[in-house]
Amino acid sequence: DVCEGEHIGFFQQDWKSQDREDKFWRG
């Protein structure tokens, strides 16, 4: 996951926002 700069936590936030049963980590 991004840990510095403007997009810190991008993939964690993406994962949390997925409202499907088969969530997947995109990072």
PDB file of all heavy atoms in Angstrom:
ATOM      1  N   ASP A   1       0.849  -1.177   0.000  1.00  0.00           N
ATOM      2  CA  ASP A   1       0.000   0.000   0.000  1.00  0.00           C
ATOM      3  C   ASP A   1       0.889   1.233   0.000  1.00  0.00           C
ATOM      4  O   ASP A   1       2.032   1.190   0.475  1.00  0.00           O
ATOM      5  CB  ASP A   1      -0.935   0.024   1.217  1.00  0.00           C
ATOM      6  CG  ASP A   1      -2.167   0.890   0.990  1.00  0.00           C
ATOM      7  OD1 ASP A   1      -2.261   1.561  -0.064  1.00  0.00           O
ATOM      8  OD2 ASP A   1      -3.044   0.898   1.870  1.00  0.00           O
ATOM      9  N   VAL A   2       0.376   2.317  -0.532  1.00  0.00           N
ATOM     10  CA  VAL A   2       1.108   3.578  -0.576  1.00  0.00           C
ATOM     11  C   VAL A   2       1.287   4.070   0.859  1.00  0.00           C
ATOM     12  O   VAL A   2       0.330   4.096   1.641  1.00  0.00           O
ATOM     13  CB  VAL A   2       0.346   4.619  -1.429  1.00  0.00           C
ATOM     14  CG1 VAL A   2       1.088   5.945  -1.453  1.00  0.00           C
ATOM     15  CG2 VAL A   2       0.118   4.094  -2.840  1.00  0.00           C
ATOM     16  N   CYS A   3       2.520   4.451   1.216  1.00  0.00           N
ATOM     17  CA  CYS A   3       2.772   4.865   2.612  1.00  0.00           C
ATOM     18  C   CYS A   3       3.341   6.281   2.729  1.00  0.00           C
ATOM     19  O   CYS A   3       3.587   6.750   3.836  1.00  0.00           O
ATOM     20  CB  CYS A   3       3.684   3.861   3.313  1.00  0.00           C
ATOM     21  SG  CYS A   3       5.355   3.780   2.655  1.00  0.00           S
ATOM     22  N   GLU A   4       3.539   6.966   1.607  1.00  0.00           N
ATOM     23  CA  GLU A   4       4.013   8.357   1.637  1.00  0.00           C
ATOM     24  C   GLU A   4       3.295   9.145   0.556  1.00  0.00           C
ATOM     25  O   GLU A   4       2.899   8.595  -0.472  1.00  0.00           O
ATOM     26  CB  GLU A   4       5.527   8.427   1.368  1.00  0.00           C
ATOM     27  CG  GLU A   4       6.388   7.837   2.446  1.00  0.00           C
ATOM     28  CD  GLU A   4       7.886   7.948   2.154  1.00  0.00           C
ATOM     29  OE1 GLU A   4       8.283   8.738   1.262  1.00  0.00           O
ATOM     30  OE2 GLU A   4       8.645   7.243   2.809  1.00  0.00           O
ATOM     31  N   GLY A   5       3.127  10.443   0.810  1.00  0.00           N
ATOM     32  CA  GLY A   5       2.573  11.323  -0.211  1.00  0.00           C
ATOM     33  C   GLY A   5       1.061  11.452  -0.170  1.00  0.00           C
ATOM     34  O   GLY A   5       0.393  11.033   0.774  1.00  0.00           O
ATOM     35  N   GLU A   6       0.538  11.993  -1.232  1.00  0.00           N
ATOM     36  CA  GLU A   6      -0.878  12.352  -1.336  1.00  0.00           C
ATOM     37  C   GLU A   6      -1.822  11.156  -1.287  1.00  0.00           C
ATOM     38  O   GLU A   6      -2.964  11.277  -0.855  1.00  0.00           O
ATOM     39  CB  GLU A   6      -1.073  13.105  -2.666  1.00  0.00           C
ATOM     40  CG  GLU A   6      -2.470  13.504  -2.986  1.00  0.00           C
ATOM     41  CD  GLU A   6      -2.583  14.175  -4.350  1.00  0.00           C
ATOM     42  OE1 GLU A   6      -1.550  14.471  -4.979  1.00  0.00           O
ATOM     43  OE2 GLU A   6      -3.721  14.383  -4.782  1.00  0.00           O
ATOM     44  N   HIS A   7      -1.366   9.986  -1.702  1.00  0.00           N
ATOM     45  CA  HIS A   7      -2.254   8.824  -1.826  1.00  0.00           C
ATOM     46  C   HIS A   7      -2.012   7.761  -0.756  1.00  0.00           C
ATOM     47  O   HIS A   7      -2.242   6.575  -0.988  1.00  0.00           O
ATOM     48  CB  HIS A   7      -2.123   8.224  -3.224  1.00  0.00           C
ATOM     49  CG  HIS A   7      -2.551   9.162  -4.305  1.00  0.00           C
ATOM     50  ND1 HIS A   7      -3.876   9.390  -4.592  1.00  0.00           N
ATOM     51  CD2 HIS A   7      -1.840   9.964  -5.131  1.00  0.00           C
ATOM     52  CE1 HIS A   7      -3.959  10.275  -5.579  1.00  0.00           C
ATOM     53  NE2 HIS A   7      -2.737  10.639  -5.914  1.00  0.00           N
ATOM     54  N   ILE A   8      -1.578   8.169   0.431  1.00  0.00           N
ATOM     55  CA  ILE A   8      -1.333   7.223   1.532  1.00  0.00           C
ATOM     56  C   ILE A   8      -2.585   6.377   1.773  1.00  0.00           C
ATOM     57  O   ILE A   8      -3.705   6.897   1.831  1.00  0.00           O
ATOM     58  CB  ILE A   8      -0.955   7.959   2.828  1.00  0.00           C
ATOM     59  CG1 ILE A   8       0.429   8.597   2.702  1.00  0.00           C
ATOM     60  CG2 ILE A   8      -0.982   7.025   4.038  1.00  0.00           C
ATOM     61  CD1 ILE A   8       0.833   9.459   3.879  1.00  0.00           C
ATOM     62  N   GLY A   9      -2.393   5.061   1.890  1.00  0.00           N
ATOM     63  CA  GLY A   9      -3.498   4.158   2.203  1.00  0.00           C
ATOM     64  C   GLY A   9      -4.474   3.939   1.053  1.00  0.00           C
ATOM     65  O   GLY A   9      -5.586   3.462   1.273  1.00  0.00           O
ATOM     66  N   PHE A  10      -4.067   4.238  -0.168  1.00  0.00           N
ATOM     67  CA  PHE A  10      -4.969   4.146  -1.323  1.00  0.00           C
ATOM     68  C   PHE A  10      -5.606   2.766  -1.447  1.00  0.00           C
ATOM     69  O   PHE A  10      -6.811   2.644  -1.623  1.00  0.00           O
ATOM     70  CB  PHE A  10      -4.212   4.488  -2.613  1.00  0.00           C
ATOM     71  CG  PHE A  10      -5.068   4.385  -3.837  1.00  0.00           C
ATOM     72  CD1 PHE A  10      -5.834   5.466  -4.244  1.00  0.00           C
ATOM     73  CD2 PHE A  10      -5.131   3.214  -4.570  1.00  0.00           C
ATOM     74  CE1 PHE A  10      -6.650   5.379  -5.365  1.00  0.00           C
ATOM     75  CE2 PHE A  10      -5.938   3.111  -5.695  1.00  0.00           C
ATOM     76  CZ  PHE A  10      -6.702   4.196  -6.091  1.00  0.00           C
ATOM     77  N   PHE A  11      -4.802   1.698  -1.363  1.00  0.00           N
ATOM     78  CA  PHE A  11      -5.339   0.355  -1.588  1.00  0.00           C
ATOM     79  C   PHE A  11      -6.162  -0.146  -0.410  1.00  0.00           C
ATOM     80  O   PHE A  11      -7.123  -0.892  -0.596  1.00  0.00           O
ATOM     81  CB  PHE A  11      -4.219  -0.620  -1.953  1.00  0.00           C
ATOM     82  CG  PHE A  11      -3.602  -0.278  -3.277  1.00  0.00           C
ATOM     83  CD1 PHE A  11      -2.335   0.277  -3.355  1.00  0.00           C
ATOM     84  CD2 PHE A  11      -4.308  -0.462  -4.452  1.00  0.00           C
ATOM     85  CE1 PHE A  11      -1.780   0.625  -4.574  1.00  0.00           C
ATOM     86  CE2 PHE A  11      -3.766  -0.115  -5.685  1.00  0.00           C
ATOM     87  CZ  PHE A  11      -2.497   0.433  -5.740  1.00  0.00           C
ATOM     88  N   GLN A  12      -5.833   0.284   0.808  1.00  0.00           N
ATOM     89  CA  GLN A  12      -6.653  -0.049   1.972  1.00  0.00           C
ATOM     90  C   GLN A  12      -8.032   0.590   1.822  1.00  0.00           C
ATOM     91  O   GLN A  12      -9.055  -0.063   2.046  1.00  0.00           O
ATOM     92  CB  GLN A  12      -5.980   0.426   3.262  1.00  0.00           C
ATOM     93  CG  GLN A  12      -6.791   0.172   4.518  1.00  0.00           C
ATOM     94  CD  GLN A  12      -6.888  -1.294   4.879  1.00  0.00           C
ATOM     95  OE1 GLN A  12      -5.943  -2.039   4.676  1.00  0.00           O
ATOM     96  NE2 GLN A  12      -8.012  -1.710   5.413  1.00  0.00           N
ATOM     97  N   GLN A  13      -8.051   1.861   1.423  1.00  0.00           N
ATOM     98  CA  GLN A  13      -9.323   2.562   1.230  1.00  0.00           C
ATOM     99  C   GLN A  13     -10.127   1.923   0.103  1.00  0.00           C
ATOM    100  O   GLN A  13     -11.339   1.749   0.205  1.00  0.00           O
ATOM    101  CB  GLN A  13      -9.075   4.045   0.940  1.00  0.00           C
ATOM    102  CG  GLN A  13     -10.334   4.857   0.860  1.00  0.00           C
ATOM    103  CD  GLN A  13     -11.118   4.837   2.166  1.00  0.00           C
ATOM    104  OE1 GLN A  13     -10.558   4.827   3.248  1.00  0.00           O
ATOM    105  NE2 GLN A  13     -12.431   4.796   2.064  1.00  0.00           N
ATOM    106  N   ASP A  14      -9.439   1.546  -0.976  1.00  0.00           N
ATOM    107  CA  ASP A  14     -10.106   0.873  -2.096  1.00  0.00           C
ATOM    108  C   ASP A  14     -10.747  -0.428  -1.625  1.00  0.00           C
ATOM    109  O   ASP A  14     -11.900  -0.715  -1.949  1.00  0.00           O
ATOM    110  CB  ASP A  14      -9.089   0.599  -3.207  1.00  0.00           C
ATOM    111  CG  ASP A  14      -9.656  -0.272  -4.307  1.00  0.00           C
ATOM    112  OD1 ASP A  14     -10.484   0.231  -5.088  1.00  0.00           O
ATOM    113  OD2 ASP A  14      -9.280  -1.461  -4.376  1.00  0.00           O
ATOM    114  N   TRP A  15     -10.008  -1.214  -0.841  1.00  0.00           N
ATOM    115  CA  TRP A  15     -10.528  -2.496  -0.361  1.00  0.00           C
ATOM    116  C   TRP A  15     -11.749  -2.285   0.527  1.00  0.00           C
ATOM    117  O   TRP A  15     -12.753  -2.984   0.400  1.00  0.00           O
ATOM    118  CB  TRP A  15      -9.426  -3.252   0.387  1.00  0.00           C
ATOM    119  CG  TRP A  15      -9.812  -4.638   0.751  1.00  0.00           C
ATOM    120  CD1 TRP A  15      -9.768  -5.740  -0.048  1.00  0.00           C
ATOM    121  CD2 TRP A  15     -10.319  -5.083   2.007  1.00  0.00           C
ATOM    122  NE1 TRP A  15     -10.215  -6.843   0.644  1.00  0.00           N
ATOM    123  CE2 TRP A  15     -10.561  -6.466   1.905  1.00  0.00           C
ATOM    124  CE3 TRP A  15     -10.590  -4.445   3.211  1.00  0.00           C
ATOM    125  CZ2 TRP A  15     -11.053  -7.210   2.956  1.00  0.00           C
ATOM    126  CZ3 TRP A  15     -11.090  -5.195   4.258  1.00  0.00           C
ATOM    127  CH2 TRP A  15     -11.316  -6.568   4.117  1.00  0.00           C
ATOM    128  N   LYS A  16     -11.666  -1.288   1.419  1.00  0.00           N
ATOM    129  CA  LYS A  16     -12.795  -1.005   2.312  1.00  0.00           C
ATOM    130  C   LYS A  16     -14.032  -0.554   1.546  1.00  0.00           C
ATOM    131  O   LYS A  16     -15.154  -0.833   1.962  1.00  0.00           O
ATOM    132  CB  LYS A  16     -12.416   0.081   3.333  1.00  0.00           C
ATOM    133  CG  LYS A  16     -11.526  -0.394   4.435  1.00  0.00           C
ATOM    134  CD  LYS A  16     -11.229   0.750   5.393  1.00  0.00           C
ATOM    135  CE  LYS A  16     -10.339   0.310   6.521  1.00  0.00           C
ATOM    136  NZ  LYS A  16     -10.028   1.441   7.434  1.00  0.00           N
ATOM    137  N   SER A  17     -13.833   0.137   0.439  1.00  0.00           N
ATOM    138  CA  SER A  17     -14.969   0.680  -0.310  1.00  0.00           C
ATOM    139  C   SER A  17     -15.645  -0.355  -1.201  1.00  0.00           C
ATOM    140  O   SER A  17     -16.744  -0.104  -1.703  1.00  0.00           O
ATOM    141  CB  SER A  17     -14.528   1.868  -1.161  1.00  0.00           C
ATOM    142  OG  SER A  17     -13.715   1.442  -2.234  1.00  0.00           O
ATOM    143  N   GLN A  18     -15.030  -1.502  -1.395  1.00  0.00           N
ATOM    144  CA  GLN A  18     -15.639  -2.533  -2.241  1.00  0.00           C
ATOM    145  C   GLN A  18     -16.841  -3.133  -1.512  1.00  0.00           C
ATOM    146  O   GLN A  18     -16.713  -3.599  -0.388  1.00  0.00           O
ATOM    147  CB  GLN A  18     -14.620  -3.631  -2.575  1.00  0.00           C
ATOM    148  CG  GLN A  18     -13.497  -3.158  -3.459  1.00  0.00           C
ATOM    149  CD  GLN A  18     -12.492  -4.255  -3.721  1.00  0.00           C
ATOM    150  OE1 GLN A  18     -12.835  -5.431  -3.828  1.00  0.00           O
ATOM    151  NE2 GLN A  18     -11.227  -3.865  -3.835  1.00  0.00           N
ATOM    152  N   ASP A  19     -17.981  -3.104  -2.182  1.00  0.00           N
ATOM    153  CA  ASP A  19     -19.197  -3.616  -1.553  1.00  0.00           C
ATOM    154  C   ASP A  19     -19.605  -4.963  -2.119  1.00  0.00           C
ATOM    155  O   ASP A  19     -20.757  -5.344  -2.084  1.00  0.00           O
ATOM    156  CB  ASP A  19     -20.331  -2.593  -1.669  1.00  0.00           C
ATOM    157  CG  ASP A  19     -20.659  -2.242  -3.111  1.00  0.00           C
ATOM    158  OD1 ASP A  19     -19.973  -2.745  -4.030  1.00  0.00           O
ATOM    159  OD2 ASP A  19     -21.591  -1.453  -3.326  1.00  0.00           O
ATOM    160  N   ARG A  20     -18.653  -5.693  -2.636  1.00  0.00           N
ATOM    161  CA  ARG A  20     -18.927  -7.009  -3.214  1.00  0.00           C
ATOM    162  C   ARG A  20     -18.439  -8.100  -2.270  1.00  0.00           C
ATOM    163  O   ARG A  20     -17.595  -7.851  -1.418  1.00  0.00           O
ATOM    164  CB  ARG A  20     -18.237  -7.127  -4.573  1.00  0.00           C
ATOM    165  CG  ARG A  20     -16.832  -6.578  -4.544  1.00  0.00           C
ATOM    166  CD  ARG A  20     -16.202  -6.345  -5.879  1.00  0.00           C
ATOM    167  NE  ARG A  20     -15.713  -7.581  -6.445  1.00  0.00           N
ATOM    168  CZ  ARG A  20     -15.277  -7.700  -7.668  1.00  0.00           C
ATOM    169  NH1 ARG A  20     -15.257  -6.668  -8.462  1.00  0.00           N
ATOM    170  NH2 ARG A  20     -14.854  -8.843  -8.126  1.00  0.00           N
ATOM    171  N   GLU A  21     -18.986  -9.282  -2.431  1.00  0.00           N
ATOM    172  CA  GLU A  21     -18.598 -10.393  -1.558  1.00  0.00           C
ATOM    173  C   GLU A  21     -17.179 -10.873  -1.829  1.00  0.00           C
ATOM    174  O   GLU A  21     -16.483 -11.295  -0.919  1.00  0.00           O
ATOM    175  CB  GLU A  21     -19.572 -11.562  -1.732  1.00  0.00           C
ATOM    176  CG  GLU A  21     -20.941 -11.284  -1.152  1.00  0.00           C
ATOM    177  CD  GLU A  21     -21.876 -12.467  -1.306  1.00  0.00           C
ATOM    178  OE1 GLU A  21     -21.395 -13.613  -1.429  1.00  0.00           O
ATOM    179  OE2 GLU A  21     -23.095 -12.241  -1.297  1.00  0.00           O
ATOM    180  N   ASP A  22     -16.742 -10.804  -3.078  1.00  0.00           N
ATOM    181  CA  ASP A  22     -15.416 -11.296  -3.446  1.00  0.00           C
ATOM    182  C   ASP A  22     -14.412 -10.143  -3.554  1.00  0.00           C
ATOM    183  O   ASP A  22     -13.780  -9.934  -4.583  1.00  0.00           O
ATOM    184  CB  ASP A  22     -15.471 -12.098  -4.748  1.00  0.00           C
ATOM    185  CG  ASP A  22     -16.017 -11.287  -5.911  1.00  0.00           C
ATOM    186  OD1 ASP A  22     -16.688 -10.255  -5.671  1.00  0.00           O
ATOM    187  OD2 ASP A  22     -15.766 -11.672  -7.066  1.00  0.00           O
ATOM    188  N   LYS A  23     -14.257  -9.389  -2.456  1.00  0.00           N
ATOM    189  CA  LYS A  23     -13.316  -8.274  -2.424  1.00  0.00           C
ATOM    190  C   LYS A  23     -11.916  -8.758  -2.810  1.00  0.00           C
ATOM    191  O   LYS A  23     -11.562  -9.899  -2.534  1.00  0.00           O
ATOM    192  CB  LYS A  23     -13.224  -7.692  -1.015  1.00  0.00           C
ATOM    193  CG  LYS A  23     -14.404  -6.898  -0.569  1.00  0.00           C
ATOM    194  CD  LYS A  23     -14.108  -6.323   0.808  1.00  0.00           C
ATOM    195  CE  LYS A  23     -15.211  -5.460   1.314  1.00  0.00           C
ATOM    196  NZ  LYS A  23     -14.813  -4.722   2.519  1.00  0.00           N
ATOM    197  N   PHE A  24     -11.156  -7.878  -3.415  1.00  0.00           N
ATOM    198  CA  PHE A  24      -9.776  -8.231  -3.720  1.00  0.00           C
ATOM    199  C   PHE A  24      -8.870  -7.017  -3.533  1.00  0.00           C
ATOM    200  O   PHE A  24      -9.286  -5.882  -3.695  1.00  0.00           O
ATOM    201  CB  PHE A  24      -9.642  -8.806  -5.138  1.00  0.00           C
ATOM    202  CG  PHE A  24     -10.031  -7.845  -6.231  1.00  0.00           C
ATOM    203  CD1 PHE A  24      -9.065  -7.116  -6.904  1.00  0.00           C
ATOM    204  CD2 PHE A  24     -11.358  -7.678  -6.585  1.00  0.00           C
ATOM    205  CE1 PHE A  24      -9.419  -6.232  -7.908  1.00  0.00           C
ATOM    206  CE2 PHE A  24     -11.720  -6.810  -7.584  1.00  0.00           C
ATOM    207  CZ  PHE A  24     -10.751  -6.074  -8.249  1.00  0.00           C
ATOM    208  N   TRP A  25      -7.630  -7.281  -3.165  1.00  0.00           N
ATOM    209  CA  TRP A  25      -6.618  -6.257  -2.924  1.00  0.00           C
ATOM    210  C   TRP A  25      -5.970  -5.934  -4.263  1.00  0.00           C
ATOM    211  O   TRP A  25      -5.445  -6.797  -4.938  1.00  0.00           O
ATOM    212  CB  TRP A  25      -5.587  -6.804  -1.940  1.00  0.00           C
ATOM    213  CG  TRP A  25      -4.630  -5.768  -1.486  1.00  0.00           C
ATOM    214  CD1 TRP A  25      -3.402  -5.487  -2.015  1.00  0.00           C
ATOM    215  CD2 TRP A  25      -4.802  -4.868  -0.391  1.00  0.00           C
ATOM    216  NE1 TRP A  25      -2.809  -4.464  -1.328  1.00  0.00           N
ATOM    217  CE2 TRP A  25      -3.653  -4.068  -0.319  1.00  0.00           C
ATOM    218  CE3 TRP A  25      -5.825  -4.656   0.520  1.00  0.00           C
ATOM    219  CZ2 TRP A  25      -3.482  -3.063   0.641  1.00  0.00           C
ATOM    220  CZ3 TRP A  25      -5.658  -3.670   1.477  1.00  0.00           C
ATOM    221  CH2 TRP A  25      -4.496  -2.889   1.538  1.00  0.00           C
ATOM    222  N   ARG A  26      -6.028  -4.657  -4.667  1.00  0.00           N
ATOM    223  CA  ARG A  26      -5.498  -4.283  -5.978  1.00  0.00           C
ATOM    224  C   ARG A  26      -4.039  -3.850  -5.945  1.00  0.00           C
ATOM    225  O   ARG A  26      -3.436  -3.684  -7.000  1.00  0.00           O
ATOM    226  CB  ARG A  26      -6.351  -3.172  -6.594  1.00  0.00           C
ATOM    227  CG  ARG A  26      -7.736  -3.652  -6.964  1.00  0.00           C
ATOM    228  CD  ARG A  26      -8.488  -2.683  -7.843  1.00  0.00           C
ATOM    229  NE  ARG A  26      -8.527  -1.329  -7.315  1.00  0.00           N
ATOM    230  CZ  ARG A  26      -8.555  -0.241  -8.084  1.00  0.00           C
ATOM    231  NH1 ARG A  26      -8.535  -0.332  -9.386  1.00  0.00           N
ATOM    232  NH2 ARG A  26      -8.600   0.953  -7.528  1.00  0.00           N
ATOM    233  N   GLY A  27      -3.445  -3.662  -4.783  1.00  0.00           N
ATOM    234  CA  GLY A  27      -2.041  -3.258  -4.693  1.00  0.00           C
ATOM    235  C   GLY A  27      -1.132  -4.469  -4.694  1.00  0.00           C
ATOM    236  O   GLY A  27      -0.664  -4.900  -3.644  1.00  0.00           O
TER     237      GLY A  27
END
